[in-house]
Amino acid sequence: MTVIIWKGKGWMVLVITFVISLIAQLITIQITGDENSYQAIPYPLSIALLISAVCMYFIIRYYTSKLNDVLIDKVSIYNSYHHLFFIPMGVWVWILCGLSMINILRGILY
């Protein structure tokens, strides 16, 4: 059994990444006509992870701009409220980008 731990809006990382990956899979299957092409070709997943990272970046900017009106030390307050698996949402942008690059390298090397 997997326990998902989040704080604040941290759950959005999972939801956005899942939805964008699902859309990428459906588009890939529709274009190629092969249901196994999403697993065989690493590039659609890499693009989906990059799009997820960009979406997370803009969501983070939105929430920090809302905090800008109220708080002076917005970075520390923001990082203390929005986590997924005890990792701040801002770090998840870089994790998603890194996973995308690893997946692209996997496609090139294998």
PDB file of N, CA and C in Angstrom:
ATOM      1  N   MET A   1       0.833  -1.173   0.000  1.00  0.00           N
ATOM      2  CA  MET A   1       0.000   0.000   0.000  1.00  0.00           C
ATOM      3  C   MET A   1       0.885   1.246   0.000  1.00  0.00           C
ATOM      4  N   THR A   2       0.564   2.187  -0.859  1.00  0.00           N
ATOM      5  CA  THR A   2       1.329   3.417  -0.967  1.00  0.00           C
ATOM      6  C   THR A   2       0.592   4.540  -0.249  1.00  0.00           C
ATOM      7  N   VAL A   3       1.334   5.269   0.548  1.00  0.00           N
ATOM      8  CA  VAL A   3       0.766   6.409   1.245  1.00  0.00           C
ATOM      9  C   VAL A   3       1.288   7.674   0.575  1.00  0.00           C
ATOM     10  N   ILE A   4       0.374   8.521   0.134  1.00  0.00           N
ATOM     11  CA  ILE A   4       0.747   9.776  -0.506  1.00  0.00           C
ATOM     12  C   ILE A   4       0.614  10.881   0.534  1.00  0.00           C
ATOM     13  N   ILE A   5       1.717  11.558   0.795  1.00  0.00           N
ATOM     14  CA  ILE A   5       1.751  12.594   1.810  1.00  0.00           C
ATOM     15  C   ILE A   5       1.875  13.934   1.114  1.00  0.00           C
ATOM     16  N   TRP A   6       0.932  14.841   1.391  1.00  0.00           N
ATOM     17  CA  TRP A   6       1.025  16.174   0.841  1.00  0.00           C
ATOM     18  C   TRP A   6       0.610  17.182   1.898  1.00  0.00           C
ATOM     19  N   LYS A   7       0.992  18.404   1.628  1.00  0.00           N
ATOM     20  CA  LYS A   7       0.622  19.496   2.513  1.00  0.00           C
ATOM     21  C   LYS A   7       0.241  20.681   1.642  1.00  0.00           C
ATOM     22  N   GLY A   8      -0.872  21.292   1.895  1.00  0.00           N
ATOM     23  CA  GLY A   8      -1.319  22.422   1.089  1.00  0.00           C
ATOM     24  C   GLY A   8      -1.761  21.970  -0.289  1.00  0.00           C
ATOM     25  N   LYS A   9      -1.186  22.580  -1.317  1.00  0.00           N
ATOM     26  CA  LYS A   9      -1.523  22.257  -2.708  1.00  0.00           C
ATOM     27  C   LYS A   9      -0.555  21.254  -3.328  1.00  0.00           C
ATOM     28  N   GLY A  10       0.172  20.502  -2.535  1.00  0.00           N
ATOM     29  CA  GLY A  10       1.140  19.542  -3.048  1.00  0.00           C
ATOM     30  C   GLY A  10       0.539  18.438  -3.888  1.00  0.00           C
ATOM     31  N   TRP A  11      -0.727  18.122  -3.659  1.00  0.00           N
ATOM     32  CA  TRP A  11      -1.395  17.076  -4.428  1.00  0.00           C
ATOM     33  C   TRP A  11      -1.487  17.438  -5.909  1.00  0.00           C
ATOM     34  N   MET A  12      -1.378  18.738  -6.223  1.00  0.00           N
ATOM     35  CA  MET A  12      -1.504  19.165  -7.616  1.00  0.00           C
ATOM     36  C   MET A  12      -0.377  18.622  -8.498  1.00  0.00           C
ATOM     37  N   VAL A  13       0.771  18.337  -7.911  1.00  0.00           N
ATOM     38  CA  VAL A  13       1.887  17.781  -8.683  1.00  0.00           C
ATOM     39  C   VAL A  13       1.472  16.445  -9.287  1.00  0.00           C
ATOM     40  N   LEU A  14       0.887  15.582  -8.478  1.00  0.00           N
ATOM     41  CA  LEU A  14       0.462  14.267  -8.971  1.00  0.00           C
ATOM     42  C   LEU A  14      -0.663  14.369  -9.986  1.00  0.00           C
ATOM     43  N   VAL A  15      -1.634  15.195  -9.689  1.00  0.00           N
ATOM     44  CA  VAL A  15      -2.803  15.292 -10.567  1.00  0.00           C
ATOM     45  C   VAL A  15      -2.415  15.863 -11.929  1.00  0.00           C
ATOM     46  N   ILE A  16      -1.650  16.946 -11.928  1.00  0.00           N
ATOM     47  CA  ILE A  16      -1.256  17.576 -13.196  1.00  0.00           C
ATOM     48  C   ILE A  16      -0.368  16.649 -14.014  1.00  0.00           C
ATOM     49  N   THR A  17       0.589  16.004 -13.366  1.00  0.00           N
ATOM     50  CA  THR A  17       1.474  15.089 -14.094  1.00  0.00           C
ATOM     51  C   THR A  17       0.696  13.906 -14.650  1.00  0.00           C
ATOM     52  N   PHE A  18      -0.230  13.364 -13.872  1.00  0.00           N
ATOM     53  CA  PHE A  18      -1.032  12.233 -14.348  1.00  0.00           C
ATOM     54  C   PHE A  18      -1.919  12.621 -15.527  1.00  0.00           C
ATOM     55  N   VAL A  19      -2.601  13.743 -15.410  1.00  0.00           N
ATOM     56  CA  VAL A  19      -3.533  14.155 -16.467  1.00  0.00           C
ATOM     57  C   VAL A  19      -2.782  14.456 -17.766  1.00  0.00           C
ATOM     58  N   ILE A  20      -1.666  15.171 -17.672  1.00  0.00           N
ATOM     59  CA  ILE A  20      -0.908  15.502 -18.884  1.00  0.00           C
ATOM     60  C   ILE A  20      -0.293  14.246 -19.497  1.00  0.00           C
ATOM     61  N   SER A  21       0.173  13.316 -18.673  1.00  0.00           N
ATOM     62  CA  SER A  21       0.709  12.058 -19.206  1.00  0.00           C
ATOM     63  C   SER A  21      -0.381  11.220 -19.867  1.00  0.00           C
ATOM     64  N   LEU A  22      -1.571  11.228 -19.287  1.00  0.00           N
ATOM     65  CA  LEU A  22      -2.686  10.500 -19.890  1.00  0.00           C
ATOM     66  C   LEU A  22      -3.074  11.107 -21.235  1.00  0.00           C
ATOM     67  N   ILE A  23      -3.112  12.419 -21.306  1.00  0.00           N
ATOM     68  CA  ILE A  23      -3.427  13.088 -22.574  1.00  0.00           C
ATOM     69  C   ILE A  23      -2.355  12.777 -23.615  1.00  0.00           C
ATOM     70  N   ALA A  24      -1.087  12.779 -23.200  1.00  0.00           N
ATOM     71  CA  ALA A  24       0.004  12.452 -24.134  1.00  0.00           C
ATOM     72  C   ALA A  24      -0.117  11.017 -24.630  1.00  0.00           C
ATOM     73  N   GLN A  25      -0.495  10.106 -23.733  1.00  0.00           N
ATOM     74  CA  GLN A  25      -0.668   8.718 -24.151  1.00  0.00           C
ATOM     75  C   GLN A  25      -1.809   8.585 -25.146  1.00  0.00           C
ATOM     76  N   LEU A  26      -2.932   9.236 -24.889  1.00  0.00           N
ATOM     77  CA  LEU A  26      -4.068   9.156 -25.808  1.00  0.00           C
ATOM     78  C   LEU A  26      -3.742   9.766 -27.168  1.00  0.00           C
ATOM     79  N   ILE A  27      -3.023  10.877 -27.168  1.00  0.00           N
ATOM     80  CA  ILE A  27      -2.622  11.496 -28.440  1.00  0.00           C
ATOM     81  C   ILE A  27      -1.654  10.594 -29.198  1.00  0.00           C
ATOM     82  N   THR A  28      -0.707   9.989 -28.488  1.00  0.00           N
ATOM     83  CA  THR A  28       0.260   9.094 -29.135  1.00  0.00           C
ATOM     84  C   THR A  28      -0.433   7.881 -29.738  1.00  0.00           C
ATOM     85  N   ILE A  29      -1.362   7.302 -29.012  1.00  0.00           N
ATOM     86  CA  ILE A  29      -2.097   6.146 -29.533  1.00  0.00           C
ATOM     87  C   ILE A  29      -2.935   6.550 -30.744  1.00  0.00           C
ATOM     88  N   GLN A  30      -3.535   7.732 -30.688  1.00  0.00           N
ATOM     89  CA  GLN A  30      -4.360   8.207 -31.801  1.00  0.00           C
ATOM     90  C   GLN A  30      -3.511   8.456 -33.054  1.00  0.00           C
ATOM     91  N   ILE A  31      -2.326   9.022 -32.882  1.00  0.00           N
ATOM     92  CA  ILE A  31      -1.474   9.340 -34.039  1.00  0.00           C
ATOM     93  C   ILE A  31      -0.868   8.078 -34.645  1.00  0.00           C
ATOM     94  N   THR A  32      -0.326   7.196 -33.800  1.00  0.00           N
ATOM     95  CA  THR A  32       0.371   6.025 -34.324  1.00  0.00           C
ATOM     96  C   THR A  32      -0.564   4.858 -34.630  1.00  0.00           C
ATOM     97  N   GLY A  33      -1.670   4.775 -33.936  1.00  0.00           N
ATOM     98  CA  GLY A  33      -2.579   3.659 -34.139  1.00  0.00           C
ATOM     99  C   GLY A  33      -2.138   2.391 -33.434  1.00  0.00           C
ATOM    100  N   ASP A  34      -1.063   2.460 -32.661  1.00  0.00           N
ATOM    101  CA  ASP A  34      -0.537   1.314 -31.936  1.00  0.00           C
ATOM    102  C   ASP A  34      -0.630   1.599 -30.442  1.00  0.00           C
ATOM    103  N   GLU A  35      -1.249   0.685 -29.685  1.00  0.00           N
ATOM    104  CA  GLU A  35      -1.426   0.924 -28.256  1.00  0.00           C
ATOM    105  C   GLU A  35      -0.143   0.766 -27.456  1.00  0.00           C
ATOM    106  N   ASN A  36       0.874   0.137 -28.013  1.00  0.00           N
ATOM    107  CA  ASN A  36       2.137  -0.058 -27.309  1.00  0.00           C
ATOM    108  C   ASN A  36       3.170   1.019 -27.638  1.00  0.00           C
ATOM    109  N   SER A  37       2.825   1.955 -28.476  1.00  0.00           N
ATOM    110  CA  SER A  37       3.811   2.949 -28.899  1.00  0.00           C
ATOM    111  C   SER A  37       4.193   3.908 -27.772  1.00  0.00           C
ATOM    112  N   TYR A  38       3.304   4.191 -26.837  1.00  0.00           N
ATOM    113  CA  TYR A  38       3.622   5.105 -25.735  1.00  0.00           C
ATOM    114  C   TYR A  38       4.691   4.508 -24.827  1.00  0.00           C
ATOM    115  N   GLN A  39       4.664   3.181 -24.648  1.00  0.00           N
ATOM    116  CA  GLN A  39       5.676   2.527 -23.833  1.00  0.00           C
ATOM    117  C   GLN A  39       6.973   2.323 -24.601  1.00  0.00           C
ATOM    118  N   ALA A  40       6.890   2.164 -25.912  1.00  0.00           N
ATOM    119  CA  ALA A  40       8.074   1.879 -26.720  1.00  0.00           C
ATOM    120  C   ALA A  40       8.875   3.140 -27.043  1.00  0.00           C
ATOM    121  N   ILE A  41       8.198   4.248 -27.250  1.00  0.00           N
ATOM    122  CA  ILE A  41       8.862   5.495 -27.622  1.00  0.00           C
ATOM    123  C   ILE A  41       8.947   6.374 -26.375  1.00  0.00           C
ATOM    124  N   PRO A  42      10.147   6.792 -25.954  1.00  0.00           N
ATOM    125  CA  PRO A  42      10.253   7.570 -24.710  1.00  0.00           C
ATOM    126  C   PRO A  42       9.906   9.057 -24.855  1.00  0.00           C
ATOM    127  N   TYR A  43       9.813   9.551 -26.057  1.00  0.00           N
ATOM    128  CA  TYR A  43       9.663  10.993 -26.248  1.00  0.00           C
ATOM    129  C   TYR A  43       8.302  11.557 -25.838  1.00  0.00           C
ATOM    130  N   PRO A  44       7.177  10.878 -26.054  1.00  0.00           N
ATOM    131  CA  PRO A  44       5.915  11.455 -25.580  1.00  0.00           C
ATOM    132  C   PRO A  44       5.864  11.640 -24.059  1.00  0.00           C
ATOM    133  N   LEU A  45       6.406  10.687 -23.312  1.00  0.00           N
ATOM    134  CA  LEU A  45       6.442  10.827 -21.856  1.00  0.00           C
ATOM    135  C   LEU A  45       7.369  11.969 -21.450  1.00  0.00           C
ATOM    136  N   SER A  46       8.490  12.102 -22.135  1.00  0.00           N
ATOM    137  CA  SER A  46       9.417  13.197 -21.826  1.00  0.00           C
ATOM    138  C   SER A  46       8.772  14.552 -22.071  1.00  0.00           C
ATOM    139  N   ILE A  47       8.064  14.669 -23.167  1.00  0.00           N
ATOM    140  CA  ILE A  47       7.372  15.929 -23.466  1.00  0.00           C
ATOM    141  C   ILE A  47       6.273  16.177 -22.434  1.00  0.00           C
ATOM    142  N   ALA A  48       5.561  15.136 -22.028  1.00  0.00           N
ATOM    143  CA  ALA A  48       4.510  15.288 -21.022  1.00  0.00           C
ATOM    144  C   ALA A  48       5.098  15.745 -19.682  1.00  0.00           C
ATOM    145  N   LEU A  49       6.258  15.204 -19.304  1.00  0.00           N
ATOM    146  CA  LEU A  49       6.894  15.626 -18.058  1.00  0.00           C
ATOM    147  C   LEU A  49       7.361  17.072 -18.127  1.00  0.00           C
ATOM    148  N   LEU A  50       7.883  17.487 -19.282  1.00  0.00           N
ATOM    149  CA  LEU A  50       8.288  18.890 -19.432  1.00  0.00           C
ATOM    150  C   LEU A  50       7.091  19.832 -19.389  1.00  0.00           C
ATOM    151  N   ILE A  51       6.005  19.450 -20.025  1.00  0.00           N
ATOM    152  CA  ILE A  51       4.794  20.273 -19.978  1.00  0.00           C
ATOM    153  C   ILE A  51       4.254  20.345 -18.546  1.00  0.00           C
ATOM    154  N   SER A  52       4.333  19.233 -17.819  1.00  0.00           N
ATOM    155  CA  SER A  52       3.912  19.232 -16.418  1.00  0.00           C
ATOM    156  C   SER A  52       4.777  20.171 -15.585  1.00  0.00           C
ATOM    157  N   ALA A  53       6.071  20.162 -15.850  1.00  0.00           N
ATOM    158  CA  ALA A  53       6.975  21.052 -15.110  1.00  0.00           C
ATOM    159  C   ALA A  53       6.654  22.514 -15.402  1.00  0.00           C
ATOM    160  N   VAL A  54       6.376  22.832 -16.650  1.00  0.00           N
ATOM    161  CA  VAL A  54       6.020  24.214 -17.007  1.00  0.00           C
ATOM    162  C   VAL A  54       4.708  24.616 -16.339  1.00  0.00           C
ATOM    163  N   CYS A  55       3.735  23.725 -16.343  1.00  0.00           N
ATOM    164  CA  CYS A  55       2.460  24.022 -15.671  1.00  0.00           C
ATOM    165  C   CYS A  55       2.676  24.240 -14.177  1.00  0.00           C
ATOM    166  N   MET A  56       3.495  23.406 -13.560  1.00  0.00           N
ATOM    167  CA  MET A  56       3.773  23.568 -12.131  1.00  0.00           C
ATOM    168  C   MET A  56       4.478  24.891 -11.859  1.00  0.00           C
ATOM    169  N   TYR A  57       5.366  25.298 -12.739  1.00  0.00           N
ATOM    170  CA  TYR A  57       6.063  26.567 -12.573  1.00  0.00           C
ATOM    171  C   TYR A  57       5.076  27.733 -12.551  1.00  0.00           C
ATOM    172  N   PHE A  58       4.125  27.736 -13.482  1.00  0.00           N
ATOM    173  CA  PHE A  58       3.157  28.824 -13.524  1.00  0.00           C
ATOM    174  C   PHE A  58       2.174  28.766 -12.360  1.00  0.00           C
ATOM    175  N   ILE A  59       1.858  27.588 -11.886  1.00  0.00           N
ATOM    176  CA  ILE A  59       1.007  27.470 -10.700  1.00  0.00           C
ATOM    177  C   ILE A  59       1.734  28.013  -9.476  1.00  0.00           C
ATOM    178  N   ILE A  60       3.006  27.704  -9.362  1.00  0.00           N
ATOM    179  CA  ILE A  60       3.802  28.224  -8.255  1.00  0.00           C
ATOM    180  C   ILE A  60       3.877  29.745  -8.326  1.00  0.00           C
ATOM    181  N   ARG A  61       4.077  30.286  -9.502  1.00  0.00           N
ATOM    182  CA  ARG A  61       4.103  31.744  -9.649  1.00  0.00           C
ATOM    183  C   ARG A  61       2.772  32.368  -9.262  1.00  0.00           C
ATOM    184  N   TYR A  62       1.685  31.712  -9.609  1.00  0.00           N
ATOM    185  CA  TYR A  62       0.360  32.224  -9.255  1.00  0.00           C
ATOM    186  C   TYR A  62       0.192  32.287  -7.736  1.00  0.00           C
ATOM    187  N   TYR A  63       0.540  31.194  -7.054  1.00  0.00           N
ATOM    188  CA  TYR A  63       0.359  31.174  -5.605  1.00  0.00           C
ATOM    189  C   TYR A  63       1.330  32.114  -4.892  1.00  0.00           C
ATOM    190  N   THR A  64       2.546  32.270  -5.403  1.00  0.00           N
ATOM    191  CA  THR A  64       3.464  33.209  -4.757  1.00  0.00           C
ATOM    192  C   THR A  64       3.055  34.649  -5.023  1.00  0.00           C
ATOM    193  N   SER A  65       2.421  34.941  -6.147  1.00  0.00           N
ATOM    194  CA  SER A  65       1.942  36.304  -6.388  1.00  0.00           C
ATOM    195  C   SER A  65       0.774  36.627  -5.470  1.00  0.00           C
ATOM    196  N   LYS A  66      -0.039  35.625  -5.133  1.00  0.00           N
ATOM    197  CA  LYS A  66      -1.111  35.846  -4.174  1.00  0.00           C
ATOM    198  C   LYS A  66      -0.537  36.121  -2.787  1.00  0.00           C
ATOM    199  N   LEU A  67       0.577  35.460  -2.454  1.00  0.00           N
ATOM    200  CA  LEU A  67       1.210  35.691  -1.166  1.00  0.00           C
ATOM    201  C   LEU A  67       1.936  37.031  -1.115  1.00  0.00           C
ATOM    202  N   ASN A  68       2.294  37.561  -2.270  1.00  0.00           N
ATOM    203  CA  ASN A  68       3.036  38.814  -2.330  1.00  0.00           C
ATOM    204  C   ASN A  68       2.250  39.964  -1.714  1.00  0.00           C
ATOM    205  N   ASP A  69       0.937  39.926  -1.835  1.00  0.00           N
ATOM    206  CA  ASP A  69       0.119  40.993  -1.277  1.00  0.00           C
ATOM    207  C   ASP A  69       0.072  40.941   0.245  1.00  0.00           C
ATOM    208  N   VAL A  70       0.259  39.754   0.816  1.00  0.00           N
ATOM    209  CA  VAL A  70       0.059  39.583   2.243  1.00  0.00           C
ATOM    210  C   VAL A  70       1.374  39.476   3.011  1.00  0.00           C
ATOM    211  N   LEU A  71       2.347  38.774   2.450  1.00  0.00           N
ATOM    212  CA  LEU A  71       3.551  38.441   3.198  1.00  0.00           C
ATOM    213  C   LEU A  71       4.802  39.029   2.563  1.00  0.00           C
ATOM    214  N   ILE A  72       5.743  39.358   3.392  1.00  0.00           N
ATOM    215  CA  ILE A  72       7.030  39.838   2.888  1.00  0.00           C
ATOM    216  C   ILE A  72       7.951  38.662   2.610  1.00  0.00           C
ATOM    217  N   ASP A  73       8.004  37.716   3.520  1.00  0.00           N
ATOM    218  CA  ASP A  73       8.865  36.547   3.365  1.00  0.00           C
ATOM    219  C   ASP A  73       8.077  35.430   2.698  1.00  0.00           C
ATOM    220  N   LYS A  74       7.685  35.642   1.451  1.00  0.00           N
ATOM    221  CA  LYS A  74       6.772  34.727   0.777  1.00  0.00           C
ATOM    222  C   LYS A  74       7.397  33.387   0.425  1.00  0.00           C
ATOM    223  N   VAL A  75       8.711  33.322   0.184  1.00  0.00           N
ATOM    224  CA  VAL A  75       9.331  32.064  -0.218  1.00  0.00           C
ATOM    225  C   VAL A  75       9.304  31.064   0.925  1.00  0.00           C
ATOM    226  N   SER A  76       9.691  31.473   2.106  1.00  0.00           N
ATOM    227  CA  SER A  76       9.708  30.530   3.227  1.00  0.00           C
ATOM    228  C   SER A  76       8.294  30.119   3.619  1.00  0.00           C
ATOM    229  N   ILE A  77       7.339  31.045   3.563  1.00  0.00           N
ATOM    230  CA  ILE A  77       5.965  30.694   3.884  1.00  0.00           C
ATOM    231  C   ILE A  77       5.398  29.759   2.825  1.00  0.00           C
ATOM    232  N   TYR A  78       5.668  30.038   1.542  1.00  0.00           N
ATOM    233  CA  TYR A  78       5.152  29.195   0.467  1.00  0.00           C
ATOM    234  C   TYR A  78       5.724  27.788   0.565  1.00  0.00           C
ATOM    235  N   ASN A  79       7.030  27.691   0.796  1.00  0.00           N
ATOM    236  CA  ASN A  79       7.648  26.375   0.875  1.00  0.00           C
ATOM    237  C   ASN A  79       7.183  25.599   2.098  1.00  0.00           C
ATOM    238  N   SER A  80       6.739  26.286   3.138  1.00  0.00           N
ATOM    239  CA  SER A  80       6.293  25.563   4.321  1.00  0.00           C
ATOM    240  C   SER A  80       4.855  25.070   4.175  1.00  0.00           C
ATOM    241  N   TYR A  81       4.111  25.559   3.192  1.00  0.00           N
ATOM    242  CA  TYR A  81       2.713  25.177   3.062  1.00  0.00           C
ATOM    243  C   TYR A  81       2.410  24.176   1.954  1.00  0.00           C
ATOM    244  N   HIS A  82       3.195  24.085   0.917  1.00  0.00           N
ATOM    245  CA  HIS A  82       2.856  23.254  -0.238  1.00  0.00           C
ATOM    246  C   HIS A  82       3.966  22.234  -0.494  1.00  0.00           C
ATOM    247  N   HIS A  83       3.726  20.992  -0.085  1.00  0.00           N
ATOM    248  CA  HIS A  83       4.694  19.908  -0.229  1.00  0.00           C
ATOM    249  C   HIS A  83       4.025  18.671  -0.817  1.00  0.00           C
ATOM    250  N   LEU A  84       4.838  17.863  -1.474  1.00  0.00           N
ATOM    251  CA  LEU A  84       4.449  16.505  -1.839  1.00  0.00           C
ATOM    252  C   LEU A  84       5.599  15.605  -1.424  1.00  0.00           C
ATOM    253  N   PHE A  85       5.347  14.630  -0.587  1.00  0.00           N
ATOM    254  CA  PHE A  85       6.376  13.762  -0.009  1.00  0.00           C
ATOM    255  C   PHE A  85       7.479  14.583   0.657  1.00  0.00           C
ATOM    256  N   PHE A  86       7.104  15.613   1.380  1.00  0.00           N
ATOM    257  CA  PHE A  86       8.000  16.490   2.130  1.00  0.00           C
ATOM    258  C   PHE A  86       8.945  17.289   1.234  1.00  0.00           C
ATOM    259  N   ILE A  87       8.661  17.361  -0.047  1.00  0.00           N
ATOM    260  CA  ILE A  87       9.467  18.138  -1.002  1.00  0.00           C
ATOM    261  C   ILE A  87       8.616  19.307  -1.472  1.00  0.00           C
ATOM    262  N   PRO A  88       9.138  20.550  -1.384  1.00  0.00           N
ATOM    263  CA  PRO A  88       8.351  21.712  -1.827  1.00  0.00           C
ATOM    264  C   PRO A  88       8.004  21.627  -3.309  1.00  0.00           C
ATOM    265  N   MET A  89       6.893  22.247  -3.666  1.00  0.00           N
ATOM    266  CA  MET A  89       6.433  22.206  -5.056  1.00  0.00           C
ATOM    267  C   MET A  89       7.445  22.815  -6.016  1.00  0.00           C
ATOM    268  N   GLY A  90       8.189  23.808  -5.575  1.00  0.00           N
ATOM    269  CA  GLY A  90       9.198  24.411  -6.438  1.00  0.00           C
ATOM    270  C   GLY A  90      10.291  23.443  -6.838  1.00  0.00           C
ATOM    271  N   VAL A  91      10.614  22.524  -5.969  1.00  0.00           N
ATOM    272  CA  VAL A  91      11.637  21.518  -6.275  1.00  0.00           C
ATOM    273  C   VAL A  91      11.090  20.483  -7.247  1.00  0.00           C
ATOM    274  N   TRP A  92       9.776  20.244  -7.201  1.00  0.00           N
ATOM    275  CA  TRP A  92       9.174  19.271  -8.118  1.00  0.00           C
ATOM    276  C   TRP A  92       9.300  19.697  -9.574  1.00  0.00           C
ATOM    277  N   VAL A  93       9.372  20.991  -9.823  1.00  0.00           N
ATOM    278  CA  VAL A  93       9.593  21.457 -11.203  1.00  0.00           C
ATOM    279  C   VAL A  93      10.913  20.899 -11.717  1.00  0.00           C
ATOM    280  N   TRP A  94      11.954  20.994 -10.902  1.00  0.00           N
ATOM    281  CA  TRP A  94      13.273  20.502 -11.318  1.00  0.00           C
ATOM    282  C   TRP A  94      13.319  18.973 -11.364  1.00  0.00           C
ATOM    283  N   ILE A  95      12.599  18.330 -10.474  1.00  0.00           N
ATOM    284  CA  ILE A  95      12.545  16.862 -10.504  1.00  0.00           C
ATOM    285  C   ILE A  95      11.880  16.378 -11.785  1.00  0.00           C
ATOM    286  N   LEU A  96      10.775  17.012 -12.172  1.00  0.00           N
ATOM    287  CA  LEU A  96      10.096  16.624 -13.416  1.00  0.00           C
ATOM    288  C   LEU A  96      10.973  16.879 -14.633  1.00  0.00           C
ATOM    289  N   CYS A  97      11.695  18.002 -14.638  1.00  0.00           N
ATOM    290  CA  CYS A  97      12.631  18.275 -15.753  1.00  0.00           C
ATOM    291  C   CYS A  97      13.742  17.235 -15.799  1.00  0.00           C
ATOM    292  N   GLY A  98      14.267  16.873 -14.637  1.00  0.00           N
ATOM    293  CA  GLY A  98      15.312  15.852 -14.587  1.00  0.00           C
ATOM    294  C   GLY A  98      14.828  14.493 -15.056  1.00  0.00           C
ATOM    295  N   LEU A  99      13.623  14.116 -14.645  1.00  0.00           N
ATOM    296  CA  LEU A  99      13.060  12.844 -15.109  1.00  0.00           C
ATOM    297  C   LEU A  99      12.843  12.852 -16.615  1.00  0.00           C
ATOM    298  N   SER A 100      12.465  13.991 -17.145  1.00  0.00           N
ATOM    299  CA  SER A 100      12.285  14.106 -18.587  1.00  0.00           C
ATOM    300  C   SER A 100      13.618  13.930 -19.319  1.00  0.00           C
ATOM    301  N   MET A 101      14.652  14.563 -18.812  1.00  0.00           N
ATOM    302  CA  MET A 101      15.971  14.430 -19.449  1.00  0.00           C
ATOM    303  C   MET A 101      16.501  13.001 -19.345  1.00  0.00           C
ATOM    304  N   ILE A 102      16.285  12.358 -18.214  1.00  0.00           N
ATOM    305  CA  ILE A 102      16.710  10.962 -18.057  1.00  0.00           C
ATOM    306  C   ILE A 102      15.972  10.075 -19.047  1.00  0.00           C
ATOM    307  N   ASN A 103      14.691  10.338 -19.238  1.00  0.00           N
ATOM    308  CA  ASN A 103      13.910   9.537 -20.182  1.00  0.00           C
ATOM    309  C   ASN A 103      14.374   9.765 -21.623  1.00  0.00           C
ATOM    310  N   ILE A 104      14.735  10.990 -21.962  1.00  0.00           N
ATOM    311  CA  ILE A 104      15.261  11.271 -23.293  1.00  0.00           C
ATOM    312  C   ILE A 104      16.604  10.559 -23.492  1.00  0.00           C
ATOM    313  N   LEU A 105      17.471  10.604 -22.493  1.00  0.00           N
ATOM    314  CA  LEU A 105      18.754   9.896 -22.595  1.00  0.00           C
ATOM    315  C   LEU A 105      18.560   8.394 -22.720  1.00  0.00           C
ATOM    316  N   ARG A 106      17.572   7.868 -22.005  1.00  0.00           N
ATOM    317  CA  ARG A 106      17.267   6.441 -22.121  1.00  0.00           C
ATOM    318  C   ARG A 106      16.866   6.099 -23.555  1.00  0.00           C
ATOM    319  N   GLY A 107      16.112   6.978 -24.198  1.00  0.00           N
ATOM    320  CA  GLY A 107      15.694   6.745 -25.582  1.00  0.00           C
ATOM    321  C   GLY A 107      16.864   6.835 -26.550  1.00  0.00           C
ATOM    322  N   ILE A 108      17.803   7.719 -26.266  1.00  0.00           N
ATOM    323  CA  ILE A 108      18.961   7.878 -27.153  1.00  0.00           C
ATOM    324  C   ILE A 108      19.935   6.722 -26.990  1.00  0.00           C
ATOM    325  N   LEU A 109      20.161   6.308 -25.754  1.00  0.00           N
ATOM    326  CA  LEU A 109      21.186   5.270 -25.494  1.00  0.00           C
ATOM    327  C   LEU A 109      20.710   3.854 -25.804  1.00  0.00           C
ATOM    328  N   TYR A 110      19.406   3.614 -25.730  1.00  0.00           N
ATOM    329  CA  TYR A 110      18.923   2.236 -25.938  1.00  0.00           C
ATOM    330  C   TYR A 110      18.158   2.098 -27.198  1.00  0.00           C
TER     331      TYR A 110
END
